[in-house]
């Protein structure tokens, strides 16, 4: 399985979207500051993830979620969570 995930930075309140084969390990690396793109945006919270059967599906889903329409999807999906 591959996972597409969304992190929320508690520092700047912005989202980070990525994919991985090992979600637990990848999240730990983000939390420890070992991922270049998020090390200055910690602390981070895992707010959403999806499981995909293969890497190609995960990369396509990641790319979609990074688009305007994908961002709107995440916003609608997590509407009550993100607005409190």
PDB file of N, CA and C in Angstrom:
ATOM      1  N   UNK A   1       0.824  -1.192   0.000  1.00  0.00           N
ATOM      2  CA  UNK A   1       0.000   0.000   0.000  1.00  0.00           C
ATOM      3  C   UNK A   1       0.868   1.254   0.000  1.00  0.00           C
ATOM      4  N   UNK A   2       0.363   2.284  -0.617  1.00  0.00           N
ATOM      5  CA  UNK A   2       0.975   3.602  -0.586  1.00  0.00           C
ATOM      6  C   UNK A   2      -0.047   4.564   0.010  1.00  0.00           C
ATOM      7  N   UNK A   3       0.427   5.585   0.653  1.00  0.00           N
ATOM      8  CA  UNK A   3      -0.455   6.525   1.336  1.00  0.00           C
ATOM      9  C   UNK A   3      -0.216   7.943   0.843  1.00  0.00           C
ATOM     10  N   UNK A   4      -1.290   8.641   0.578  1.00  0.00           N
ATOM     11  CA  UNK A   4      -1.251  10.070   0.288  1.00  0.00           C
ATOM     12  C   UNK A   4      -1.713  10.731   1.574  1.00  0.00           C
ATOM     13  N   UNK A   5      -0.981  11.729   2.032  1.00  0.00           N
ATOM     14  CA  UNK A   5      -1.296  12.304   3.334  1.00  0.00           C
ATOM     15  C   UNK A   5      -1.241  13.823   3.291  1.00  0.00           C
ATOM     16  N   UNK A   6      -1.945  14.415   4.249  1.00  0.00           N
ATOM     17  CA  UNK A   6      -1.971  15.866   4.384  1.00  0.00           C
ATOM     18  C   UNK A   6      -1.577  16.202   5.815  1.00  0.00           C
ATOM     19  N   UNK A   7      -0.576  17.067   5.926  1.00  0.00           N
ATOM     20  CA  UNK A   7      -0.147  17.559   7.230  1.00  0.00           C
ATOM     21  C   UNK A   7      -0.579  19.014   7.364  1.00  0.00           C
ATOM     22  N   UNK A   8      -0.877  19.414   8.570  1.00  0.00           N
ATOM     23  CA  UNK A   8      -1.193  20.806   8.840  1.00  0.00           C
ATOM     24  C   UNK A   8      -0.118  21.358   9.756  1.00  0.00           C
ATOM     25  N   UNK A   9       0.486  22.457   9.332  1.00  0.00           N
ATOM     26  CA  UNK A   9       1.505  23.105  10.148  1.00  0.00           C
ATOM     27  C   UNK A   9       0.810  23.958  11.199  1.00  0.00           C
ATOM     28  N   UNK A  10       1.148  23.729  12.446  1.00  0.00           N
ATOM     29  CA  UNK A  10       0.601  24.546  13.527  1.00  0.00           C
ATOM     30  C   UNK A  10       1.310  25.890  13.598  1.00  0.00           C
ATOM     31  N   UNK A  11       2.425  25.993  12.903  1.00  0.00           N
ATOM     32  CA  UNK A  11       3.197  27.243  12.893  1.00  0.00           C
ATOM     33  C   UNK A  11       2.605  28.257  11.923  1.00  0.00           C
ATOM     34  N   UNK A  12       2.328  27.828  10.673  1.00  0.00           N
ATOM     35  CA  UNK A  12       1.821  28.767   9.668  1.00  0.00           C
ATOM     36  C   UNK A  12       0.405  28.420   9.180  1.00  0.00           C
ATOM     37  N   UNK A  13      -0.184  27.356   9.760  1.00  0.00           N
ATOM     38  CA  UNK A  13      -1.545  26.933   9.439  1.00  0.00           C
ATOM     39  C   UNK A  13      -1.732  26.581   7.956  1.00  0.00           C
ATOM     40  N   UNK A  14      -0.657  26.145   7.307  1.00  0.00           N
ATOM     41  CA  UNK A  14      -0.722  25.721   5.912  1.00  0.00           C
ATOM     42  C   UNK A  14      -0.579  24.208   5.833  1.00  0.00           C
ATOM     43  N   UNK A  15      -1.035  23.670   4.707  1.00  0.00           N
ATOM     44  CA  UNK A  15      -1.002  22.222   4.509  1.00  0.00           C
ATOM     45  C   UNK A  15       0.213  21.789   3.701  1.00  0.00           C
ATOM     46  N   UNK A  16       0.649  20.574   3.969  1.00  0.00           N
ATOM     47  CA  UNK A  16       1.688  19.913   3.183  1.00  0.00           C
ATOM     48  C   UNK A  16       1.091  18.595   2.710  1.00  0.00           C
ATOM     49  N   UNK A  17       1.247  18.280   1.436  1.00  0.00           N
ATOM     50  CA  UNK A  17       0.706  17.050   0.863  1.00  0.00           C
ATOM     51  C   UNK A  17       1.859  16.211   0.323  1.00  0.00           C
ATOM     52  N   UNK A  18       1.848  14.936   0.644  1.00  0.00           N
ATOM     53  CA  UNK A  18       2.886  14.041   0.167  1.00  0.00           C
ATOM     54  C   UNK A  18       2.360  12.620   0.042  1.00  0.00           C
ATOM     55  N   UNK A  19       3.241  11.715  -0.374  1.00  0.00           N
ATOM     56  CA  UNK A  19       2.871  10.296  -0.412  1.00  0.00           C
ATOM     57  C   UNK A  19       4.047   9.470   0.058  1.00  0.00           C
ATOM     58  N   UNK A  20       3.752   8.271   0.535  1.00  0.00           N
ATOM     59  CA  UNK A  20       4.782   7.397   1.080  1.00  0.00           C
ATOM     60  C   UNK A  20       4.279   5.957   1.119  1.00  0.00           C
ATOM     61  N   UNK A  21       5.206   5.055   1.277  1.00  0.00           N
ATOM     62  CA  UNK A  21       4.861   3.644   1.463  1.00  0.00           C
ATOM     63  C   UNK A  21       4.691   3.322   2.947  1.00  0.00           C
ATOM     64  N   UNK A  22       5.393   4.074   3.802  1.00  0.00           N
ATOM     65  CA  UNK A  22       5.330   3.837   5.244  1.00  0.00           C
ATOM     66  C   UNK A  22       4.896   5.131   5.930  1.00  0.00           C
ATOM     67  N   UNK A  23       3.613   5.267   6.169  1.00  0.00           N
ATOM     68  CA  UNK A  23       3.057   6.510   6.710  1.00  0.00           C
ATOM     69  C   UNK A  23       3.582   6.822   8.104  1.00  0.00           C
ATOM     70  N   UNK A  24       3.650   5.832   8.962  1.00  0.00           N
ATOM     71  CA  UNK A  24       4.114   6.061  10.333  1.00  0.00           C
ATOM     72  C   UNK A  24       5.548   6.586  10.344  1.00  0.00           C
ATOM     73  N   UNK A  25       6.431   5.937   9.605  1.00  0.00           N
ATOM     74  CA  UNK A  25       7.832   6.362   9.550  1.00  0.00           C
ATOM     75  C   UNK A  25       7.968   7.750   8.939  1.00  0.00           C
ATOM     76  N   UNK A  26       7.245   7.992   7.858  1.00  0.00           N
ATOM     77  CA  UNK A  26       7.333   9.295   7.186  1.00  0.00           C
ATOM     78  C   UNK A  26       6.871  10.417   8.105  1.00  0.00           C
ATOM     79  N   UNK A  27       5.784  10.187   8.847  1.00  0.00           N
ATOM     80  CA  UNK A  27       5.296  11.203   9.775  1.00  0.00           C
ATOM     81  C   UNK A  27       6.320  11.462  10.879  1.00  0.00           C
ATOM     82  N   UNK A  28       6.948  10.412  11.368  1.00  0.00           N
ATOM     83  CA  UNK A  28       8.000  10.577  12.385  1.00  0.00           C
ATOM     84  C   UNK A  28       9.159  11.416  11.845  1.00  0.00           C
ATOM     85  N   UNK A  29       9.551  11.194  10.591  1.00  0.00           N
ATOM     86  CA  UNK A  29      10.625  11.983   9.989  1.00  0.00           C
ATOM     87  C   UNK A  29      10.227  13.452   9.885  1.00  0.00           C
ATOM     88  N   UNK A  30       8.981  13.712   9.515  1.00  0.00           N
ATOM     89  CA  UNK A  30       8.492  15.095   9.477  1.00  0.00           C
ATOM     90  C   UNK A  30       8.568  15.708  10.870  1.00  0.00           C
ATOM     91  N   UNK A  31       8.123  14.979  11.873  1.00  0.00           N
ATOM     92  CA  UNK A  31       8.087  15.490  13.251  1.00  0.00           C
ATOM     93  C   UNK A  31       9.486  15.785  13.792  1.00  0.00           C
ATOM     94  N   UNK A  32      10.460  15.001  13.380  1.00  0.00           N
ATOM     95  CA  UNK A  32      11.836  15.178  13.854  1.00  0.00           C
ATOM     96  C   UNK A  32      12.599  16.241  13.075  1.00  0.00           C
ATOM     97  N   UNK A  33      11.983  16.795  12.030  1.00  0.00           N
ATOM     98  CA  UNK A  33      12.646  17.816  11.226  1.00  0.00           C
ATOM     99  C   UNK A  33      13.609  17.255  10.202  1.00  0.00           C
ATOM    100  N   UNK A  34      13.445  16.003   9.834  1.00  0.00           N
ATOM    101  CA  UNK A  34      14.341  15.351   8.892  1.00  0.00           C
ATOM    102  C   UNK A  34      13.835  15.393   7.454  1.00  0.00           C
ATOM    103  N   UNK A  35      12.746  16.133   7.224  1.00  0.00           N
ATOM    104  CA  UNK A  35      12.228  16.340   5.874  1.00  0.00           C
ATOM    105  C   UNK A  35      12.419  17.817   5.560  1.00  0.00           C
ATOM    106  N   UNK A  36      13.221  18.092   4.557  1.00  0.00           N
ATOM    107  CA  UNK A  36      13.626  19.463   4.231  1.00  0.00           C
ATOM    108  C   UNK A  36      12.444  20.408   4.052  1.00  0.00           C
ATOM    109  N   UNK A  37      11.421  19.959   3.356  1.00  0.00           N
ATOM    110  CA  UNK A  37      10.310  20.855   3.022  1.00  0.00           C
ATOM    111  C   UNK A  37       9.433  21.231   4.213  1.00  0.00           C
ATOM    112  N   UNK A  38       9.511  20.501   5.311  1.00  0.00           N
ATOM    113  CA  UNK A  38       8.658  20.818   6.463  1.00  0.00           C
ATOM    114  C   UNK A  38       9.426  21.086   7.748  1.00  0.00           C
ATOM    115  N   UNK A  39      10.744  21.026   7.704  1.00  0.00           N
ATOM    116  CA  UNK A  39      11.489  21.137   8.961  1.00  0.00           C
ATOM    117  C   UNK A  39      11.304  22.488   9.663  1.00  0.00           C
ATOM    118  N   UNK A  40      11.069  23.556   8.899  1.00  0.00           N
ATOM    119  CA  UNK A  40      10.867  24.871   9.503  1.00  0.00           C
ATOM    120  C   UNK A  40       9.395  25.178   9.750  1.00  0.00           C
ATOM    121  N   UNK A  41       8.532  24.202   9.520  1.00  0.00           N
ATOM    122  CA  UNK A  41       7.095  24.422   9.674  1.00  0.00           C
ATOM    123  C   UNK A  41       6.516  23.604  10.821  1.00  0.00           C
ATOM    124  N   UNK A  42       7.364  23.033  11.629  1.00  0.00           N
ATOM    125  CA  UNK A  42       6.920  22.220  12.756  1.00  0.00           C
ATOM    126  C   UNK A  42       6.394  23.104  13.877  1.00  0.00           C
ATOM    127  N   UNK A  43       5.480  22.601  14.694  1.00  0.00           N
ATOM    128  CA  UNK A  43       4.942  21.233  14.750  1.00  0.00           C
ATOM    129  C   UNK A  43       3.896  20.995  13.670  1.00  0.00           C
ATOM    130  N   UNK A  44       3.762  19.725  13.329  1.00  0.00           N
ATOM    131  CA  UNK A  44       2.850  19.303  12.274  1.00  0.00           C
ATOM    132  C   UNK A  44       1.836  18.316  12.826  1.00  0.00           C
ATOM    133  N   UNK A  45       0.672  18.306  12.207  1.00  0.00           N
ATOM    134  CA  UNK A  45      -0.368  17.369  12.608  1.00  0.00           C
ATOM    135  C   UNK A  45      -0.866  16.646  11.367  1.00  0.00           C
ATOM    136  N   UNK A  46      -0.971  15.334  11.448  1.00  0.00           N
ATOM    137  CA  UNK A  46      -1.520  14.541  10.353  1.00  0.00           C
ATOM    138  C   UNK A  46      -3.034  14.715  10.391  1.00  0.00           C
ATOM    139  N   UNK A  47      -3.611  15.317   9.339  1.00  0.00           N
ATOM    140  CA  UNK A  47      -5.042  15.601   9.359  1.00  0.00           C
ATOM    141  C   UNK A  47      -5.842  14.754   8.372  1.00  0.00           C
ATOM    142  N   UNK A  48      -5.152  14.077   7.436  1.00  0.00           N
ATOM    143  CA  UNK A  48      -5.882  13.303   6.440  1.00  0.00           C
ATOM    144  C   UNK A  48      -4.923  12.352   5.744  1.00  0.00           C
ATOM    145  N   UNK A  49      -5.421  11.173   5.394  1.00  0.00           N
ATOM    146  CA  UNK A  49      -4.651  10.279   4.534  1.00  0.00           C
ATOM    147  C   UNK A  49      -5.581   9.353   3.778  1.00  0.00           C
ATOM    148  N   UNK A  50      -5.108   8.854   2.644  1.00  0.00           N
ATOM    149  CA  UNK A  50      -5.809   7.885   1.814  1.00  0.00           C
ATOM    150  C   UNK A  50      -4.839   6.764   1.478  1.00  0.00           C
ATOM    151  N   UNK A  51      -5.343   5.560   1.376  1.00  0.00           N
ATOM    152  CA  UNK A  51      -4.524   4.418   0.970  1.00  0.00           C
ATOM    153  C   UNK A  51      -4.742   4.140  -0.515  1.00  0.00           C
ATOM    154  N   UNK A  52      -3.654   3.860  -1.216  1.00  0.00           N
ATOM    155  CA  UNK A  52      -3.693   3.517  -2.638  1.00  0.00           C
ATOM    156  C   UNK A  52      -3.029   2.164  -2.832  1.00  0.00           C
ATOM    157  N   UNK A  53      -3.462   1.439  -3.842  1.00  0.00           N
ATOM    158  CA  UNK A  53      -2.926   0.101  -4.072  1.00  0.00           C
ATOM    159  C   UNK A  53      -1.528   0.090  -4.664  1.00  0.00           C
ATOM    160  N   UNK A  54      -1.166   1.166  -5.404  1.00  0.00           N
ATOM    161  CA  UNK A  54       0.166   1.188  -6.001  1.00  0.00           C
ATOM    162  C   UNK A  54       0.711   2.621  -6.035  1.00  0.00           C
ATOM    163  N   UNK A  55       1.983   2.733  -6.345  1.00  0.00           N
ATOM    164  CA  UNK A  55       2.664   4.025  -6.328  1.00  0.00           C
ATOM    165  C   UNK A  55       2.101   4.981  -7.378  1.00  0.00           C
ATOM    166  N   UNK A  56       1.767   4.467  -8.547  1.00  0.00           N
ATOM    167  CA  UNK A  56       1.247   5.327  -9.601  1.00  0.00           C
ATOM    168  C   UNK A  56      -0.071   5.993  -9.182  1.00  0.00           C
ATOM    169  N   UNK A  57      -0.958   5.229  -8.567  1.00  0.00           N
ATOM    170  CA  UNK A  57      -2.213   5.816  -8.078  1.00  0.00           C
ATOM    171  C   UNK A  57      -1.943   6.877  -7.014  1.00  0.00           C
ATOM    172  N   UNK A  58      -0.993   6.603  -6.141  1.00  0.00           N
ATOM    173  CA  UNK A  58      -0.668   7.551  -5.069  1.00  0.00           C
ATOM    174  C   UNK A  58      -0.092   8.850  -5.637  1.00  0.00           C
ATOM    175  N   UNK A  59       0.801   8.756  -6.614  1.00  0.00           N
ATOM    176  CA  UNK A  59       1.381   9.977  -7.175  1.00  0.00           C
ATOM    177  C   UNK A  59       0.334  10.787  -7.937  1.00  0.00           C
ATOM    178  N   UNK A  60      -0.566  10.108  -8.626  1.00  0.00           N
ATOM    179  CA  UNK A  60      -1.637  10.830  -9.323  1.00  0.00           C
ATOM    180  C   UNK A  60      -2.556  11.527  -8.326  1.00  0.00           C
ATOM    181  N   UNK A  61      -2.874  10.846  -7.238  1.00  0.00           N
ATOM    182  CA  UNK A  61      -3.746  11.442  -6.218  1.00  0.00           C
ATOM    183  C   UNK A  61      -3.055  12.616  -5.534  1.00  0.00           C
ATOM    184  N   UNK A  62      -1.772  12.468  -5.246  1.00  0.00           N
ATOM    185  CA  UNK A  62      -1.003  13.562  -4.639  1.00  0.00           C
ATOM    186  C   UNK A  62      -1.027  14.792  -5.542  1.00  0.00           C
ATOM    187  N   UNK A  63      -0.770  14.587  -6.824  1.00  0.00           N
ATOM    188  CA  UNK A  63      -0.779  15.713  -7.771  1.00  0.00           C
ATOM    189  C   UNK A  63      -2.147  16.381  -7.815  1.00  0.00           C
ATOM    190  N   UNK A  64      -3.205  15.582  -7.801  1.00  0.00           N
ATOM    191  CA  UNK A  64      -4.552  16.150  -7.806  1.00  0.00           C
ATOM    192  C   UNK A  64      -4.798  16.980  -6.546  1.00  0.00           C
ATOM    193  N   UNK A  65      -4.450  16.444  -5.397  1.00  0.00           N
ATOM    194  CA  UNK A  65      -4.707  17.157  -4.141  1.00  0.00           C
ATOM    195  C   UNK A  65      -3.928  18.464  -4.058  1.00  0.00           C
ATOM    196  N   UNK A  66      -2.865  18.593  -4.828  1.00  0.00           N
ATOM    197  CA  UNK A  66      -2.075  19.825  -4.832  1.00  0.00           C
ATOM    198  C   UNK A  66      -2.649  20.877  -5.787  1.00  0.00           C
ATOM    199  N   UNK A  67      -3.671  20.509  -6.564  1.00  0.00           N
ATOM    200  CA  UNK A  67      -4.304  21.466  -7.471  1.00  0.00           C
ATOM    201  C   UNK A  67      -5.349  22.279  -6.714  1.00  0.00           C
ATOM    202  N   UNK A  68      -5.881  23.289  -7.385  1.00  0.00           N
ATOM    203  CA  UNK A  68      -6.943  24.102  -6.801  1.00  0.00           C
ATOM    204  C   UNK A  68      -8.146  23.232  -6.424  1.00  0.00           C
ATOM    205  N   UNK A  69      -8.576  22.380  -7.351  1.00  0.00           N
ATOM    206  CA  UNK A  69      -9.745  21.532  -7.089  1.00  0.00           C
ATOM    207  C   UNK A  69      -9.461  20.511  -5.983  1.00  0.00           C
ATOM    208  N   UNK A  70      -8.248  20.006  -5.934  1.00  0.00           N
ATOM    209  CA  UNK A  70      -7.864  19.090  -4.868  1.00  0.00           C
ATOM    210  C   UNK A  70      -7.865  19.779  -3.516  1.00  0.00           C
ATOM    211  N   UNK A  71      -7.406  21.013  -3.488  1.00  0.00           N
ATOM    212  CA  UNK A  71      -7.412  21.787  -2.251  1.00  0.00           C
ATOM    213  C   UNK A  71      -8.844  22.036  -1.779  1.00  0.00           C
ATOM    214  N   UNK A  72      -9.729  22.295  -2.731  1.00  0.00           N
ATOM    215  CA  UNK A  72     -11.142  22.488  -2.393  1.00  0.00           C
ATOM    216  C   UNK A  72     -11.742  21.178  -1.854  1.00  0.00           C
ATOM    217  N   UNK A  73     -11.352  20.041  -2.431  1.00  0.00           N
ATOM    218  CA  UNK A  73     -11.816  18.742  -1.961  1.00  0.00           C
ATOM    219  C   UNK A  73     -11.406  18.529  -0.502  1.00  0.00           C
ATOM    220  N   UNK A  74     -10.135  18.772  -0.209  1.00  0.00           N
ATOM    221  CA  UNK A  74      -9.643  18.603   1.163  1.00  0.00           C
ATOM    222  C   UNK A  74     -10.391  19.553   2.104  1.00  0.00           C
ATOM    223  N   UNK A  75     -10.569  20.791   1.670  1.00  0.00           N
ATOM    224  CA  UNK A  75     -11.288  21.761   2.490  1.00  0.00           C
ATOM    225  C   UNK A  75     -12.700  21.309   2.812  1.00  0.00           C
ATOM    226  N   UNK A  76     -13.401  20.771   1.805  1.00  0.00           N
ATOM    227  CA  UNK A  76     -14.773  20.288   2.025  1.00  0.00           C
ATOM    228  C   UNK A  76     -14.771  19.036   2.888  1.00  0.00           C
ATOM    229  N   UNK A  77     -13.832  18.159   2.626  1.00  0.00           N
ATOM    230  CA  UNK A  77     -13.754  16.888   3.361  1.00  0.00           C
ATOM    231  C   UNK A  77     -13.499  17.124   4.850  1.00  0.00           C
ATOM    232  N   UNK A  78     -12.703  18.139   5.141  1.00  0.00           N
ATOM    233  CA  UNK A  78     -12.312  18.429   6.527  1.00  0.00           C
ATOM    234  C   UNK A  78     -12.935  19.712   7.044  1.00  0.00           C
ATOM    235  N   UNK A  79     -14.036  20.104   6.454  1.00  0.00           N
ATOM    236  CA  UNK A  79     -14.656  21.399   6.767  1.00  0.00           C
ATOM    237  C   UNK A  79     -14.862  21.613   8.272  1.00  0.00           C
ATOM    238  N   UNK A  80     -15.481  20.685   8.936  1.00  0.00           N
ATOM    239  CA  UNK A  80     -15.759  20.875  10.361  1.00  0.00           C
ATOM    240  C   UNK A  80     -14.470  20.833  11.189  1.00  0.00           C
ATOM    241  N   UNK A  81     -13.503  20.025  10.760  1.00  0.00           N
ATOM    242  CA  UNK A  81     -12.231  19.955  11.489  1.00  0.00           C
ATOM    243  C   UNK A  81     -11.442  21.253  11.353  1.00  0.00           C
ATOM    244  N   UNK A  82     -11.364  21.796  10.138  1.00  0.00           N
ATOM    245  CA  UNK A  82     -10.548  22.962   9.889  1.00  0.00           C
ATOM    246  C   UNK A  82     -11.162  24.256  10.423  1.00  0.00           C
ATOM    247  N   UNK A  83     -12.479  24.290  10.553  1.00  0.00           N
ATOM    248  CA  UNK A  83     -13.117  25.512  11.044  1.00  0.00           C
ATOM    249  C   UNK A  83     -13.352  25.485  12.541  1.00  0.00           C
ATOM    250  N   UNK A  84     -13.145  24.330  13.144  1.00  0.00           N
ATOM    251  CA  UNK A  84     -13.286  24.218  14.591  1.00  0.00           C
ATOM    252  C   UNK A  84     -14.665  23.917  14.941  1.00  0.00           C
TER     253      UNK A  84
END
